[in-house]
N, C-alpha and C. Protein backbone atom coordinates (compact mmCIF):
# COMPACT_ATOMS: atom_id res chain seq x y z
N UNK A 1 -16.92 -15.43 2.07
CA UNK A 1 -15.98 -14.97 3.04
C UNK A 1 -14.77 -15.88 3.76
N UNK A 2 -15.51 -17.73 3.69
CA UNK A 2 -14.52 -18.45 3.87
C UNK A 2 -13.27 -18.65 3.10
N UNK A 3 -13.32 -18.48 1.47
CA UNK A 3 -12.64 -18.35 0.54
C UNK A 3 -11.44 -16.77 0.77
N UNK A 4 -12.30 -15.95 1.34
CA UNK A 4 -10.93 -15.19 1.56
C UNK A 4 -10.23 -15.06 2.80
N UNK A 5 -11.02 -15.86 3.71
CA UNK A 5 -10.50 -15.87 4.98
C UNK A 5 -9.03 -16.93 4.93
N UNK A 6 -9.15 -18.03 4.00
CA UNK A 6 -8.46 -18.83 3.76
C UNK A 6 -7.27 -18.06 3.34
N UNK A 7 -7.84 -17.56 1.87
CA UNK A 7 -6.62 -16.83 1.20
C UNK A 7 -5.48 -15.84 2.25
N UNK A 8 -6.43 -15.10 3.05
CA UNK A 8 -5.43 -14.41 4.09
C UNK A 8 -4.81 -15.18 4.97
N UNK A 9 -5.47 -16.22 5.32
CA UNK A 9 -4.31 -17.10 6.61
C UNK A 9 -3.00 -17.91 5.27
N UNK A 10 -3.32 -18.08 4.11
CA UNK A 10 -2.02 -18.49 3.35
C UNK A 10 -0.93 -17.59 3.46
N UNK A 11 -1.74 -16.08 2.47
CA UNK A 11 -0.95 -15.05 2.67
C UNK A 11 -0.16 -14.32 4.06
N UNK A 12 -0.72 -14.99 5.25
CA UNK A 12 -0.14 -14.41 6.26
C UNK A 12 1.35 -15.75 6.24
N UNK A 13 1.26 -16.51 6.15
CA UNK A 13 2.34 -17.23 5.96
C UNK A 13 3.64 -17.52 5.05
N UNK A 14 2.86 -17.17 3.71
CA UNK A 14 3.56 -16.89 2.98
C UNK A 14 4.52 -15.40 2.71
N UNK A 15 3.95 -14.66 3.59
CA UNK A 15 4.51 -13.45 3.72
C UNK A 15 5.60 -13.36 4.74
N UNK A 16 5.91 -14.64 5.66
CA UNK A 16 6.84 -14.56 6.38
C UNK A 16 8.26 -14.94 6.18
N UNK A 17 7.79 -15.98 4.86
CA UNK A 17 9.19 -16.42 4.20
C UNK A 17 9.55 -17.61 5.07
N UNK A 18 10.87 -17.73 4.61
CA UNK A 18 11.74 -18.86 5.37
C UNK A 18 13.15 -18.94 5.13
N UNK A 19 13.37 -19.73 5.51
CA UNK A 19 15.51 -20.08 5.52
C UNK A 19 15.89 -19.90 4.26
N UNK A 20 15.01 -20.52 3.49
CA UNK A 20 15.29 -20.62 1.70
C UNK A 20 14.52 -20.05 1.26
N UNK A 21 12.75 -19.50 1.45
CA UNK A 21 11.95 -18.97 0.48
C UNK A 21 11.97 -17.71 0.93
N UNK A 22 11.44 -17.21 -0.15
CA UNK A 22 11.66 -14.98 0.10
C UNK A 22 10.11 -15.47 0.42
N UNK A 23 9.44 -14.25 1.21
CA UNK A 23 8.13 -13.30 1.36
C UNK A 23 7.49 -13.83 -0.08
N UNK A 24 6.58 -14.53 0.07
CA UNK A 24 5.66 -14.76 -1.29
C UNK A 24 3.90 -14.45 -0.88
N UNK A 25 3.27 -13.98 -1.95
CA UNK A 25 1.82 -13.72 -1.53
C UNK A 25 1.04 -14.65 -3.14
N UNK A 26 -0.24 -14.52 -2.46
CA UNK A 26 -1.12 -15.47 -3.42
C UNK A 26 -1.98 -14.70 -3.69
N UNK A 27 -2.60 -14.33 -4.98
CA UNK A 27 -3.60 -13.72 -5.53
C UNK A 27 -4.73 -14.70 -6.26
N UNK A 28 -6.03 -14.72 -5.93
CA UNK A 28 -6.97 -15.63 -6.51
C UNK A 28 -8.40 -14.50 -6.76
N UNK A 29 -8.41 -15.32 -8.33
CA UNK A 29 -9.52 -14.38 -8.42
C UNK A 29 -10.78 -15.70 -8.76
N UNK A 30 -12.17 -15.36 -8.16
CA UNK A 30 -13.06 -16.37 -8.33
C UNK A 30 -14.47 -16.26 -8.92
N UNK A 31 -15.01 -17.29 -9.56
CA UNK A 31 -16.20 -17.13 -10.15
C UNK A 31 -17.11 -17.99 -10.67
N UNK A 32 -17.99 -17.96 -9.81
CA UNK A 32 -19.01 -19.10 -9.34
C UNK A 32 -19.93 -19.22 -10.66
N UNK A 33 -20.48 -20.83 -10.90
CA UNK A 33 -21.05 -21.02 -12.30
C UNK A 33 -22.51 -20.67 -12.06
N UNK A 34 -23.10 -20.39 -10.62
CA UNK A 34 -24.29 -19.78 -10.70
C UNK A 34 -24.53 -18.42 -10.14
N UNK A 35 -23.60 -17.39 -10.90
CA UNK A 35 -23.50 -15.73 -10.59
C UNK A 35 -24.66 -15.42 -11.31
N UNK A 36 -25.06 -13.98 -10.86
CA UNK A 36 -25.81 -13.59 -11.68
C UNK A 36 -25.30 -12.61 -13.26
N UNK A 37 -25.56 -12.05 -14.09
CA UNK A 37 -24.91 -11.76 -15.03
C UNK A 37 -24.00 -12.00 -14.97
N UNK A 38 -23.63 -13.30 -15.76
CA UNK A 38 -22.28 -13.28 -16.10
C UNK A 38 -21.71 -12.56 -17.15
N UNK A 39 -20.80 -11.93 -17.20
CA UNK A 39 -20.02 -11.26 -18.50
C UNK A 39 -19.42 -12.00 -19.59
N UNK A 40 -19.06 -13.18 -19.46
CA UNK A 40 -18.65 -13.61 -20.00
C UNK A 40 -18.33 -15.59 -19.89
N UNK A 41 -17.42 -16.20 -19.85
CA UNK A 41 -17.25 -17.76 -19.53
C UNK A 41 -17.01 -17.79 -18.28
N UNK A 42 -17.13 -18.70 -17.42
CA UNK A 42 -16.44 -18.89 -16.36
C UNK A 42 -14.88 -18.44 -15.80
N UNK A 43 -13.98 -19.02 -17.31
CA UNK A 43 -12.53 -19.01 -16.47
C UNK A 43 -12.71 -17.36 -16.99
N UNK A 44 -13.38 -16.97 -17.98
CA UNK A 44 -12.78 -15.24 -18.24
C UNK A 44 -13.11 -14.55 -16.96
N UNK A 45 -14.36 -14.76 -16.57
CA UNK A 45 -14.53 -14.02 -15.30
C UNK A 45 -13.85 -14.49 -14.31
N UNK A 46 -13.16 -15.37 -13.83
CA UNK A 46 -12.25 -15.67 -12.81
C UNK A 46 -11.04 -14.59 -13.15
N UNK A 47 -10.75 -14.91 -14.22
CA UNK A 47 -9.30 -14.26 -14.49
C UNK A 47 -9.65 -12.65 -14.45
N UNK A 48 -10.80 -11.82 -14.80
CA UNK A 48 -10.95 -10.47 -14.56
C UNK A 48 -11.09 -10.37 -13.01
N UNK A 49 -11.41 -11.06 -12.29
CA UNK A 49 -11.43 -10.98 -10.93
C UNK A 49 -10.33 -11.21 -10.28
N UNK A 50 -8.97 -12.20 -11.07
CA UNK A 50 -7.94 -12.10 -10.34
C UNK A 50 -7.45 -10.46 -10.73
N UNK A 51 -7.66 -9.86 -12.22
CA UNK A 51 -6.82 -8.93 -12.27
C UNK A 51 -7.29 -7.73 -11.26
N UNK A 52 -8.40 -7.69 -10.99
CA UNK A 52 -8.71 -6.77 -10.08
C UNK A 52 -8.05 -7.15 -8.07
N UNK A 53 -7.52 -8.12 -7.95
CA UNK A 53 -7.03 -8.06 -7.20
C UNK A 53 -5.19 -7.77 -7.16
N UNK A 54 -4.95 -7.93 -8.50
CA UNK A 54 -3.11 -7.56 -9.16
C UNK A 54 -3.18 -6.11 -9.26
N UNK A 55 -4.79 -5.13 -9.39
CA UNK A 55 -4.30 -4.15 -9.91
C UNK A 55 -4.63 -3.48 -8.51
N UNK A 56 -5.12 -3.91 -7.68
CA UNK A 56 -5.47 -3.73 -6.09
C UNK A 56 -4.29 -3.57 -5.52
N UNK A 57 -3.36 -3.91 -5.66
CA UNK A 57 -1.94 -4.27 -5.15
C UNK A 57 -1.74 -5.77 -4.67
N UNK A 58 -2.32 -7.03 -5.39
CA UNK A 58 -2.05 -8.01 -5.03
C UNK A 58 -2.23 -8.67 -3.66
N UNK A 59 -1.85 -9.59 -3.22
CA UNK A 59 -2.13 -10.62 -2.22
C UNK A 59 -3.79 -10.54 -1.48
N UNK A 60 -4.38 -11.07 -2.29
CA UNK A 60 -5.87 -11.21 -1.60
C UNK A 60 -6.81 -11.48 -2.98
N UNK A 61 -8.03 -11.44 -2.43
CA UNK A 61 -9.28 -12.27 -3.22
C UNK A 61 -9.95 -11.88 -3.92
N UNK A 62 -10.59 -11.69 -5.19
CA UNK A 62 -11.46 -11.19 -5.31
C UNK A 62 -13.08 -11.89 -5.93
N UNK A 63 -14.11 -11.69 -5.63
CA UNK A 63 -15.10 -12.54 -6.36
C UNK A 63 -16.00 -11.86 -7.50
N UNK A 64 -15.51 -12.91 -8.64
CA UNK A 64 -16.76 -12.15 -9.61
C UNK A 64 -18.65 -11.72 -9.48
């Protein structure tokens, strides 16, 4: 929950843009090393989580 909260805070700021900075968003995929039922390597599972966010419209965080 803390990671998601921080990502949402960063996205709020990024989506505001700035004088010379266009609105941007952050997408994050997270996989913990102590997870149950790993389907692959830690990096592969984090990548899978990231693509879940991207397919859901980006601008967020998913945990594997």
